[in-house]
Amino acid sequence: MRVMTWNINSVRLRAELVLRAAAELRADVICLQETKTPDEFFPHDVFDSAGFKHRHIQGMKGYNGVAILSKIPFDDVAIHHHVGREDCRHIAVNYKNFELHNLYIPAGGDIPDRLENEKFGHKLDFVDELTEWFGTHYSDQSSLMVVGDFNIAPYEHDVWSHQQLLKIVSHTPIEVEKLTAFRAGLDWVDVGRHFVPMGDKLYTWWSYRNRDWKKSNRGRRLDHIWVTQSLQSALKSHDVLTSTRDWVQTSDHVPVMVELTIERL
């Protein structure tokens, strides 16, 4: 079973790119963030014709939005809200052997100070609430996967320059501390770092401002896949499809995929 996650930055604009990436990765499940469309305008027909007939979406005009598109049936669909806002950032479905959560953690603005920047405070509170929420509703014995754009690059080699980004939102010590607490809450396995050693660079996002993103390689690992310990033995492979960053009118994020050796139905 192959699960792909991608911050697509407008699903209506890039639906065909989603299917192209899914075909290259042979994805059974697609999780999208920043779909940026109300549910009534979601391009269902595009995904239906490609075999992703099981869909759970929550979107809004112009901002945020998450979607789970699947060739495999699921049940127990859920929408979750955090920090007192209904802003389309967390949905979940249940498969036979695990529950899948798709997250879009707030970006947090540009100033890493909650007193000067309400968006940064919202981000920190959101991660705190996720930690408490998962800890309240599940245990470390639960079979869970969380995927999505977490908007935090936690480790030294998850960014192009650890020292230069310590005061840049996405890699500040307080954000790393919050995400580390979230991961420790259920002893999650960070799938990217399960397969890629800590000493190796690993990125999933390159700014649109970089004219030659490949040459400068000023990337960050903002997109993540985590599983609880009960699924660790099922982890088979992991891929970051960096080639999509060269596609025409593409997202500034690239798809991340995990393959599980698991009974699909």
C-alpha atoms as a PDB file:
ATOM      1  CA  MET A   1       0.000   0.000   0.000  1.00  0.00           C
ATOM      2  CA  ARG A   2       1.465   3.328  -1.109  1.00  0.00           C
ATOM      3  CA  VAL A   3       0.450   6.628   0.502  1.00  0.00           C
ATOM      4  CA  MET A   4       1.500   9.923  -1.069  1.00  0.00           C
ATOM      5  CA  THR A   5       1.277  13.383   0.511  1.00  0.00           C
ATOM      6  CA  TRP A   6       1.668  16.689  -1.343  1.00  0.00           C
ATOM      7  CA  ASN A   7       0.986  20.334  -0.570  1.00  0.00           C
ATOM      8  CA  ILE A   8      -0.408  21.079  -4.001  1.00  0.00           C
ATOM      9  CA  ASN A   9      -1.094  24.838  -3.614  1.00  0.00           C
ATOM     10  CA  SER A  10      -4.437  24.697  -5.525  1.00  0.00           C
ATOM     11  CA  VAL A  11      -5.903  21.369  -6.576  1.00  0.00           C
ATOM     12  CA  ARG A  12      -8.008  22.892  -9.343  1.00  0.00           C
ATOM     13  CA  LEU A  13      -4.919  24.382 -10.959  1.00  0.00           C
ATOM     14  CA  ARG A  14      -2.786  21.264 -10.557  1.00  0.00           C
ATOM     15  CA  ALA A  15      -5.098  18.225 -10.561  1.00  0.00           C
ATOM     16  CA  GLU A  16      -3.364  16.724 -13.602  1.00  0.00           C
ATOM     17  CA  LEU A  17       0.028  17.152 -11.912  1.00  0.00           C
ATOM     18  CA  VAL A  18      -1.322  15.278  -8.885  1.00  0.00           C
ATOM     19  CA  LEU A  19      -2.281  12.347 -11.107  1.00  0.00           C
ATOM     20  CA  ARG A  20       1.076  12.472 -12.905  1.00  0.00           C
ATOM     21  CA  ALA A  21       2.928  12.278  -9.580  1.00  0.00           C
ATOM     22  CA  ALA A  22       0.597   9.559  -8.301  1.00  0.00           C
ATOM     23  CA  ALA A  23       1.275   7.507 -11.417  1.00  0.00           C
ATOM     24  CA  GLU A  24       5.045   7.860 -11.047  1.00  0.00           C
ATOM     25  CA  LEU A  25       4.869   6.847  -7.386  1.00  0.00           C
ATOM     26  CA  ARG A  26       2.176   4.196  -8.019  1.00  0.00           C
ATOM     27  CA  ALA A  27       0.170   5.706  -5.188  1.00  0.00           C
ATOM     28  CA  ASP A  28      -2.928   3.994  -3.812  1.00  0.00           C
ATOM     29  CA  VAL A  29      -3.775   6.946  -1.585  1.00  0.00           C
ATOM     30  CA  ILE A  30      -3.213  10.667  -2.179  1.00  0.00           C
ATOM     31  CA  CYS A  31      -3.266  13.184   0.669  1.00  0.00           C
ATOM     32  CA  LEU A  32      -3.313  16.831  -0.376  1.00  0.00           C
ATOM     33  CA  GLN A  33      -2.913  20.072   1.524  1.00  0.00           C
ATOM     34  CA  GLU A  34      -3.694  23.637   0.446  1.00  0.00           C
ATOM     35  CA  THR A  35      -6.376  22.499  -1.965  1.00  0.00           C
ATOM     36  CA  LYS A  36      -7.732  26.075  -1.832  1.00  0.00           C
ATOM     37  CA  THR A  37     -11.229  25.356  -3.093  1.00  0.00           C
ATOM     38  CA  PRO A  38     -14.703  25.010  -1.582  1.00  0.00           C
ATOM     39  CA  ASP A  39     -15.963  21.435  -1.647  1.00  0.00           C
ATOM     40  CA  GLU A  40     -18.535  22.156  -4.357  1.00  0.00           C
ATOM     41  CA  PHE A  41     -15.764  23.090  -6.802  1.00  0.00           C
ATOM     42  CA  PHE A  42     -13.419  20.188  -6.067  1.00  0.00           C
ATOM     43  CA  PRO A  43     -12.430  18.419  -9.360  1.00  0.00           C
ATOM     44  CA  HIS A  44     -13.990  15.060  -8.460  1.00  0.00           C
ATOM     45  CA  ASP A  45     -14.298  13.904 -12.062  1.00  0.00           C
ATOM     46  CA  VAL A  46     -10.532  14.104 -12.665  1.00  0.00           C
ATOM     47  CA  PHE A  47      -9.759  11.788  -9.780  1.00  0.00           C
ATOM     48  CA  ASP A  48     -12.744   9.531 -10.294  1.00  0.00           C
ATOM     49  CA  SER A  49     -11.626   8.729 -13.841  1.00  0.00           C
ATOM     50  CA  ALA A  50      -8.152   7.834 -12.521  1.00  0.00           C
ATOM     51  CA  GLY A  51      -9.524   5.288 -10.043  1.00  0.00           C
ATOM     52  CA  PHE A  52      -9.449   7.407  -6.886  1.00  0.00           C
ATOM     53  CA  LYS A  53     -13.120   6.766  -6.278  1.00  0.00           C
ATOM     54  CA  HIS A  54     -13.070   7.095  -2.495  1.00  0.00           C
ATOM     55  CA  ARG A  55     -12.647  10.695  -1.400  1.00  0.00           C
ATOM     56  CA  HIS A  56     -12.832  12.690   1.803  1.00  0.00           C
ATOM     57  CA  ILE A  57     -12.367  16.434   1.395  1.00  0.00           C
ATOM     58  CA  GLN A  58     -12.719  19.636   3.344  1.00  0.00           C
ATOM     59  CA  GLY A  59     -12.001  22.890   1.598  1.00  0.00           C
ATOM     60  CA  MET A  60     -12.560  26.612   1.699  1.00  0.00           C
ATOM     61  CA  LYS A  61     -12.218  29.468  -0.776  1.00  0.00           C
ATOM     62  CA  GLY A  62      -8.674  30.575  -1.429  1.00  0.00           C
ATOM     63  CA  TYR A  63      -6.979  29.129   1.645  1.00  0.00           C
ATOM     64  CA  ASN A  64      -5.985  25.882   3.340  1.00  0.00           C
ATOM     65  CA  GLY A  65      -8.029  22.772   2.506  1.00  0.00           C
ATOM     66  CA  VAL A  66      -7.197  19.076   2.808  1.00  0.00           C
ATOM     67  CA  ALA A  67      -8.193  15.978   0.837  1.00  0.00           C
ATOM     68  CA  ILE A  68      -7.749  12.205   0.982  1.00  0.00           C
ATOM     69  CA  LEU A  69      -8.204  10.465  -2.380  1.00  0.00           C
ATOM     70  CA  SER A  70      -8.067   6.686  -2.393  1.00  0.00           C
ATOM     71  CA  LYS A  71      -8.310   3.657  -4.638  1.00  0.00           C
ATOM     72  CA  ILE A  72      -8.942   1.644  -1.472  1.00  0.00           C
ATOM     73  CA  PRO A  73     -12.240   1.898   0.435  1.00  0.00           C
ATOM     74  CA  PHE A  74     -12.208   3.558   3.843  1.00  0.00           C
ATOM     75  CA  ASP A  75     -14.760   4.373   6.519  1.00  0.00           C
ATOM     76  CA  ASP A  76     -15.214   6.451   9.685  1.00  0.00           C
ATOM     77  CA  VAL A  77     -14.451   9.735   7.937  1.00  0.00           C
ATOM     78  CA  ALA A  78     -13.845  12.611  10.315  1.00  0.00           C
ATOM     79  CA  ILE A  79     -13.162  16.348  10.307  1.00  0.00           C
ATOM     80  CA  HIS A  80     -11.307  17.839  13.262  1.00  0.00           C
ATOM     81  CA  HIS A  81     -10.939  21.468  14.266  1.00  0.00           C
ATOM     82  CA  HIS A  82      -8.269  22.987  16.489  1.00  0.00           C
ATOM     83  CA  VAL A  83      -7.585  26.194  18.395  1.00  0.00           C
ATOM     84  CA  GLY A  84     -11.193  27.297  18.064  1.00  0.00           C
ATOM     85  CA  ARG A  85     -11.121  27.652  14.272  1.00  0.00           C
ATOM     86  CA  GLU A  86     -12.855  25.752  11.486  1.00  0.00           C
ATOM     87  CA  ASP A  87     -10.172  26.317   8.877  1.00  0.00           C
ATOM     88  CA  CYS A  88      -9.863  23.020   6.995  1.00  0.00           C
ATOM     89  CA  ARG A  89      -6.595  21.666   8.368  1.00  0.00           C
ATOM     90  CA  HIS A  90      -7.261  18.146   9.710  1.00  0.00           C
ATOM     91  CA  ILE A  91      -9.254  15.226   8.318  1.00  0.00           C
ATOM     92  CA  ALA A  92      -9.049  11.480   8.947  1.00  0.00           C
ATOM     93  CA  VAL A  93     -10.250   8.158   7.555  1.00  0.00           C
ATOM     94  CA  ASN A  94     -10.008   4.582   8.750  1.00  0.00           C
ATOM     95  CA  TYR A  95      -8.518   1.692   6.771  1.00  0.00           C
ATOM     96  CA  LYS A  96      -8.537  -1.943   7.780  1.00  0.00           C
ATOM     97  CA  ASN A  97      -5.190  -1.840   9.587  1.00  0.00           C
ATOM     98  CA  PHE A  98      -4.672   1.807  10.513  1.00  0.00           C
ATOM     99  CA  GLU A  99      -6.224   5.238  10.797  1.00  0.00           C
ATOM    100  CA  LEU A 100      -4.912   7.939   8.460  1.00  0.00           C
ATOM    101  CA  HIS A 101      -4.770  11.623   9.441  1.00  0.00           C
ATOM    102  CA  ASN A 102      -4.018  14.385   6.940  1.00  0.00           C
ATOM    103  CA  LEU A 103      -2.707  17.622   8.526  1.00  0.00           C
ATOM    104  CA  TYR A 104      -1.935  21.114   7.361  1.00  0.00           C
ATOM    105  CA  ILE A 105      -0.210  22.908  10.240  1.00  0.00           C
ATOM    106  CA  PRO A 106      -0.286  26.725   9.970  1.00  0.00           C
ATOM    107  CA  ALA A 107       2.737  28.341   8.308  1.00  0.00           C
ATOM    108  CA  GLY A 108       3.081  30.944  11.048  1.00  0.00           C
ATOM    109  CA  GLY A 109       3.851  34.118   9.141  1.00  0.00           C
ATOM    110  CA  ASP A 110       7.288  35.712   8.933  1.00  0.00           C
ATOM    111  CA  ILE A 111       8.077  37.000  12.441  1.00  0.00           C
ATOM    112  CA  PRO A 112       8.946  34.297  15.022  1.00  0.00           C
ATOM    113  CA  ASP A 113       7.384  36.157  17.937  1.00  0.00           C
ATOM    114  CA  ARG A 114       3.850  35.438  19.093  1.00  0.00           C
ATOM    115  CA  LEU A 115       3.495  38.917  20.639  1.00  0.00           C
ATOM    116  CA  GLU A 116       4.319  40.637  17.345  1.00  0.00           C
ATOM    117  CA  ASN A 117       2.787  38.024  15.056  1.00  0.00           C
ATOM    118  CA  GLU A 118      -0.576  36.420  15.823  1.00  0.00           C
ATOM    119  CA  LYS A 119      -0.013  33.839  13.074  1.00  0.00           C
ATOM    120  CA  PHE A 120       3.060  32.507  14.856  1.00  0.00           C
ATOM    121  CA  GLY A 121       1.142  32.180  18.121  1.00  0.00           C
ATOM    122  CA  HIS A 122      -1.632  30.346  16.277  1.00  0.00           C
ATOM    123  CA  LYS A 123       0.921  27.899  14.869  1.00  0.00           C
ATOM    124  CA  LEU A 124       2.463  27.137  18.256  1.00  0.00           C
ATOM    125  CA  ASP A 125      -0.954  26.699  19.869  1.00  0.00           C
ATOM    126  CA  PHE A 126      -2.069  24.454  17.015  1.00  0.00           C
ATOM    127  CA  VAL A 127       0.870  22.079  17.508  1.00  0.00           C
ATOM    128  CA  ASP A 128       0.337  22.085  21.277  1.00  0.00           C
ATOM    129  CA  GLU A 129      -3.304  21.171  20.782  1.00  0.00           C
ATOM    130  CA  LEU A 130      -2.413  18.385  18.346  1.00  0.00           C
ATOM    131  CA  THR A 131      -0.076  16.919  20.961  1.00  0.00           C
ATOM    132  CA  GLU A 132      -2.776  16.973  23.608  1.00  0.00           C
ATOM    133  CA  TRP A 133      -5.525  15.828  21.225  1.00  0.00           C
ATOM    134  CA  PHE A 134      -3.696  12.754  19.942  1.00  0.00           C
ATOM    135  CA  GLY A 135      -2.552  11.911  23.464  1.00  0.00           C
ATOM    136  CA  THR A 136      -6.143  12.097  24.710  1.00  0.00           C
ATOM    137  CA  HIS A 137      -7.773  10.088  21.927  1.00  0.00           C
ATOM    138  CA  TYR A 138      -5.084   7.469  21.261  1.00  0.00           C
ATOM    139  CA  SER A 139      -2.236   5.559  22.883  1.00  0.00           C
ATOM    140  CA  ASP A 140       1.154   4.463  21.663  1.00  0.00           C
ATOM    141  CA  GLN A 141      -0.466   1.085  20.938  1.00  0.00           C
ATOM    142  CA  SER A 142      -2.799   2.631  18.347  1.00  0.00           C
ATOM    143  CA  SER A 143      -2.203   2.012  14.633  1.00  0.00           C
ATOM    144  CA  LEU A 144      -1.994   5.482  13.143  1.00  0.00           C
ATOM    145  CA  MET A 145      -0.386   7.395  10.306  1.00  0.00           C
ATOM    146  CA  VAL A 146      -0.204  11.183  10.124  1.00  0.00           C
ATOM    147  CA  VAL A 147       0.919  12.902   6.945  1.00  0.00           C
ATOM    148  CA  GLY A 148       0.999  16.411   5.626  1.00  0.00           C
ATOM    149  CA  ASP A 149       2.620  19.800   5.505  1.00  0.00           C
ATOM    150  CA  PHE A 150       3.759  20.387   9.075  1.00  0.00           C
ATOM    151  CA  ASN A 151       5.527  23.653   8.129  1.00  0.00           C
ATOM    152  CA  ILE A 152       8.391  22.772  10.494  1.00  0.00           C
ATOM    153  CA  ALA A 153      11.794  21.376   9.575  1.00  0.00           C
ATOM    154  CA  PRO A 154      12.947  19.865  12.880  1.00  0.00           C
ATOM    155  CA  TYR A 155      16.498  18.624  12.309  1.00  0.00           C
ATOM    156  CA  GLU A 156      19.803  20.223  11.366  1.00  0.00           C
ATOM    157  CA  HIS A 157      19.923  18.576   7.963  1.00  0.00           C
ATOM    158  CA  ASP A 158      16.247  19.238   7.251  1.00  0.00           C
ATOM    159  CA  VAL A 159      17.303  22.759   6.187  1.00  0.00           C
ATOM    160  CA  TRP A 160      19.967  24.104   3.881  1.00  0.00           C
ATOM    161  CA  SER A 161      21.663  26.044   6.704  1.00  0.00           C
ATOM    162  CA  HIS A 162      20.905  25.251  10.310  1.00  0.00           C
ATOM    163  CA  GLN A 163      22.658  28.345  11.671  1.00  0.00           C
ATOM    164  CA  GLN A 164      21.133  30.786   9.195  1.00  0.00           C
ATOM    165  CA  LEU A 165      17.587  29.490   9.678  1.00  0.00           C
ATOM    166  CA  LEU A 166      17.484  29.398  13.485  1.00  0.00           C
ATOM    167  CA  LYS A 167      15.610  32.708  13.468  1.00  0.00           C
ATOM    168  CA  ILE A 168      13.493  31.898  10.404  1.00  0.00           C
ATOM    169  CA  VAL A 169       9.952  30.600  10.878  1.00  0.00           C
ATOM    170  CA  SER A 170       9.840  26.815  10.273  1.00  0.00           C
ATOM    171  CA  HIS A 171      13.173  26.069  11.981  1.00  0.00           C
ATOM    172  CA  THR A 172      13.166  28.173  15.163  1.00  0.00           C
ATOM    173  CA  PRO A 173      13.972  26.392  18.423  1.00  0.00           C
ATOM    174  CA  ILE A 174      10.460  26.918  19.830  1.00  0.00           C
ATOM    175  CA  GLU A 175       8.825  25.348  16.758  1.00  0.00           C
ATOM    176  CA  VAL A 176      11.230  22.420  16.864  1.00  0.00           C
ATOM    177  CA  GLU A 177      10.522  22.004  20.576  1.00  0.00           C
ATOM    178  CA  LYS A 178       6.754  21.927  19.957  1.00  0.00           C
ATOM    179  CA  LEU A 179       7.005  19.422  17.091  1.00  0.00           C
ATOM    180  CA  THR A 180       9.401  17.241  19.091  1.00  0.00           C
ATOM    181  CA  ALA A 181       6.872  17.108  21.926  1.00  0.00           C
ATOM    182  CA  PHE A 182       4.147  16.164  19.439  1.00  0.00           C
ATOM    183  CA  ARG A 183       6.282  13.346  18.024  1.00  0.00           C
ATOM    184  CA  ALA A 184       7.261  12.104  21.482  1.00  0.00           C
ATOM    185  CA  GLY A 185       3.645  12.069  22.654  1.00  0.00           C
ATOM    186  CA  LEU A 186       2.858   8.757  20.966  1.00  0.00           C
ATOM    187  CA  ASP A 187       6.469   7.815  20.203  1.00  0.00           C
ATOM    188  CA  TRP A 188       5.822   8.397  16.496  1.00  0.00           C
ATOM    189  CA  VAL A 189       8.268   7.048  13.888  1.00  0.00           C
ATOM    190  CA  ASP A 190       9.453   9.823  11.546  1.00  0.00           C
ATOM    191  CA  VAL A 191       9.322   7.865   8.285  1.00  0.00           C
ATOM    192  CA  GLY A 192      11.662  10.191   6.398  1.00  0.00           C
ATOM    193  CA  ARG A 193      14.399   9.804   8.957  1.00  0.00           C
ATOM    194  CA  HIS A 194      13.642   6.100   9.347  1.00  0.00           C
ATOM    195  CA  PHE A 195      14.922   5.661   5.796  1.00  0.00           C
ATOM    196  CA  VAL A 196      17.325   8.607   5.419  1.00  0.00           C
ATOM    197  CA  PRO A 197      20.162   8.968   7.965  1.00  0.00           C
ATOM    198  CA  MET A 198      20.197  12.093  10.121  1.00  0.00           C
ATOM    199  CA  GLY A 199      23.503  13.186   8.591  1.00  0.00           C
ATOM    200  CA  ASP A 200      22.038  13.348   5.065  1.00  0.00           C
ATOM    201  CA  LYS A 201      20.216  16.380   3.695  1.00  0.00           C
ATOM    202  CA  LEU A 202      16.490  15.791   3.123  1.00  0.00           C
ATOM    203  CA  TYR A 203      14.215  18.506   1.703  1.00  0.00           C
ATOM    204  CA  THR A 204      10.615  18.661   0.415  1.00  0.00           C
ATOM    205  CA  TRP A 205      10.219  22.402  -0.279  1.00  0.00           C
ATOM    206  CA  TRP A 206      12.127  25.019  -2.260  1.00  0.00           C
ATOM    207  CA  SER A 207      10.962  28.626  -2.445  1.00  0.00           C
ATOM    208  CA  TYR A 208       9.533  30.019  -5.672  1.00  0.00           C
ATOM    209  CA  ARG A 209      12.008  32.865  -5.153  1.00  0.00           C
ATOM    210  CA  ASN A 210      14.911  30.581  -6.047  1.00  0.00           C
ATOM    211  CA  ARG A 211      15.272  30.925  -9.804  1.00  0.00           C
ATOM    212  CA  ASP A 212      17.465  27.850 -10.004  1.00  0.00           C
ATOM    213  CA  TRP A 213      16.217  25.816  -7.050  1.00  0.00           C
ATOM    214  CA  LYS A 214      18.401  22.848  -7.927  1.00  0.00           C
ATOM    215  CA  LYS A 215      21.629  24.836  -8.128  1.00  0.00           C
ATOM    216  CA  SER A 216      21.089  26.827  -4.924  1.00  0.00           C
ATOM    217  CA  ASN A 217      19.395  23.866  -3.178  1.00  0.00           C
ATOM    218  CA  ARG A 218      18.112  26.055  -0.362  1.00  0.00           C
ATOM    219  CA  GLY A 219      15.488  23.564   0.710  1.00  0.00           C
ATOM    220  CA  ARG A 220      13.616  22.620   3.852  1.00  0.00           C
ATOM    221  CA  ARG A 221      11.838  19.421   4.929  1.00  0.00           C
ATOM    222  CA  LEU A 222       8.369  20.720   5.750  1.00  0.00           C
ATOM    223  CA  ASP A 223       6.343  17.700   4.617  1.00  0.00           C
ATOM    224  CA  HIS A 224       6.248  14.642   6.826  1.00  0.00           C
ATOM    225  CA  ILE A 225       4.898  11.143   7.280  1.00  0.00           C
ATOM    226  CA  TRP A 226       4.767   9.634  10.763  1.00  0.00           C
ATOM    227  CA  VAL A 227       3.502   6.242  11.931  1.00  0.00           C
ATOM    228  CA  THR A 228       3.001   4.788  15.369  1.00  0.00           C
ATOM    229  CA  GLN A 229       5.272   1.986  16.536  1.00  0.00           C
ATOM    230  CA  SER A 230       2.769  -0.734  15.614  1.00  0.00           C
ATOM    231  CA  LEU A 231       3.264   0.127  11.913  1.00  0.00           C
ATOM    232  CA  GLN A 232       7.046   0.429  11.963  1.00  0.00           C
ATOM    233  CA  SER A 233       7.606  -3.188  10.926  1.00  0.00           C
ATOM    234  CA  ALA A 234       5.336  -2.621   7.904  1.00  0.00           C
ATOM    235  CA  LEU A 235       7.491   0.213   6.507  1.00  0.00           C
ATOM    236  CA  LYS A 236       8.924  -0.915   3.165  1.00  0.00           C
ATOM    237  CA  SER A 237      10.143   2.176   1.280  1.00  0.00           C
ATOM    238  CA  HIS A 238      10.088   5.964   1.154  1.00  0.00           C
ATOM    239  CA  ASP A 239      10.468   8.384  -1.736  1.00  0.00           C
ATOM    240  CA  VAL A 240      10.621  12.143  -2.281  1.00  0.00           C
ATOM    241  CA  LEU A 241       9.687  12.961  -5.878  1.00  0.00           C
ATOM    242  CA  THR A 242      11.944  15.987  -6.341  1.00  0.00           C
ATOM    243  CA  SER A 243      11.502  15.913 -10.124  1.00  0.00           C
ATOM    244  CA  THR A 244       8.085  17.556  -9.727  1.00  0.00           C
ATOM    245  CA  ARG A 245       9.793  20.803  -8.703  1.00  0.00           C
ATOM    246  CA  ASP A 246      10.834  21.198 -12.373  1.00  0.00           C
ATOM    247  CA  TRP A 247       7.335  20.686 -13.774  1.00  0.00           C
ATOM    248  CA  VAL A 248       5.518  23.590 -15.382  1.00  0.00           C
ATOM    249  CA  GLN A 249       3.296  25.573 -12.963  1.00  0.00           C
ATOM    250  CA  THR A 250       4.126  23.193 -10.146  1.00  0.00           C
ATOM    251  CA  SER A 251       3.912  23.532  -6.371  1.00  0.00           C
ATOM    252  CA  ASP A 252       6.864  24.762  -4.325  1.00  0.00           C
ATOM    253  CA  HIS A 253       6.497  21.525  -2.324  1.00  0.00           C
ATOM    254  CA  VAL A 254       7.194  18.051  -3.737  1.00  0.00           C
ATOM    255  CA  PRO A 255       5.363  14.770  -3.069  1.00  0.00           C
ATOM    256  CA  VAL A 256       6.498  12.387  -0.340  1.00  0.00           C
ATOM    257  CA  MET A 257       5.525   8.709  -0.408  1.00  0.00           C
ATOM    258  CA  VAL A 258       5.630   5.771   1.994  1.00  0.00           C
ATOM    259  CA  GLU A 259       5.078   2.156   1.020  1.00  0.00           C
ATOM    260  CA  LEU A 260       3.717  -0.280   3.600  1.00  0.00           C
ATOM    261  CA  THR A 261       3.713  -4.059   3.501  1.00  0.00           C
ATOM    262  CA  ILE A 262       0.176  -4.353   4.752  1.00  0.00           C
ATOM    263  CA  GLU A 263      -3.130  -5.941   3.853  1.00  0.00           C
ATOM    264  CA  ARG A 264      -4.989  -3.344   1.827  1.00  0.00           C
ATOM    265  CA  LEU A 265      -8.593  -4.512   2.203  1.00  0.00           C
END
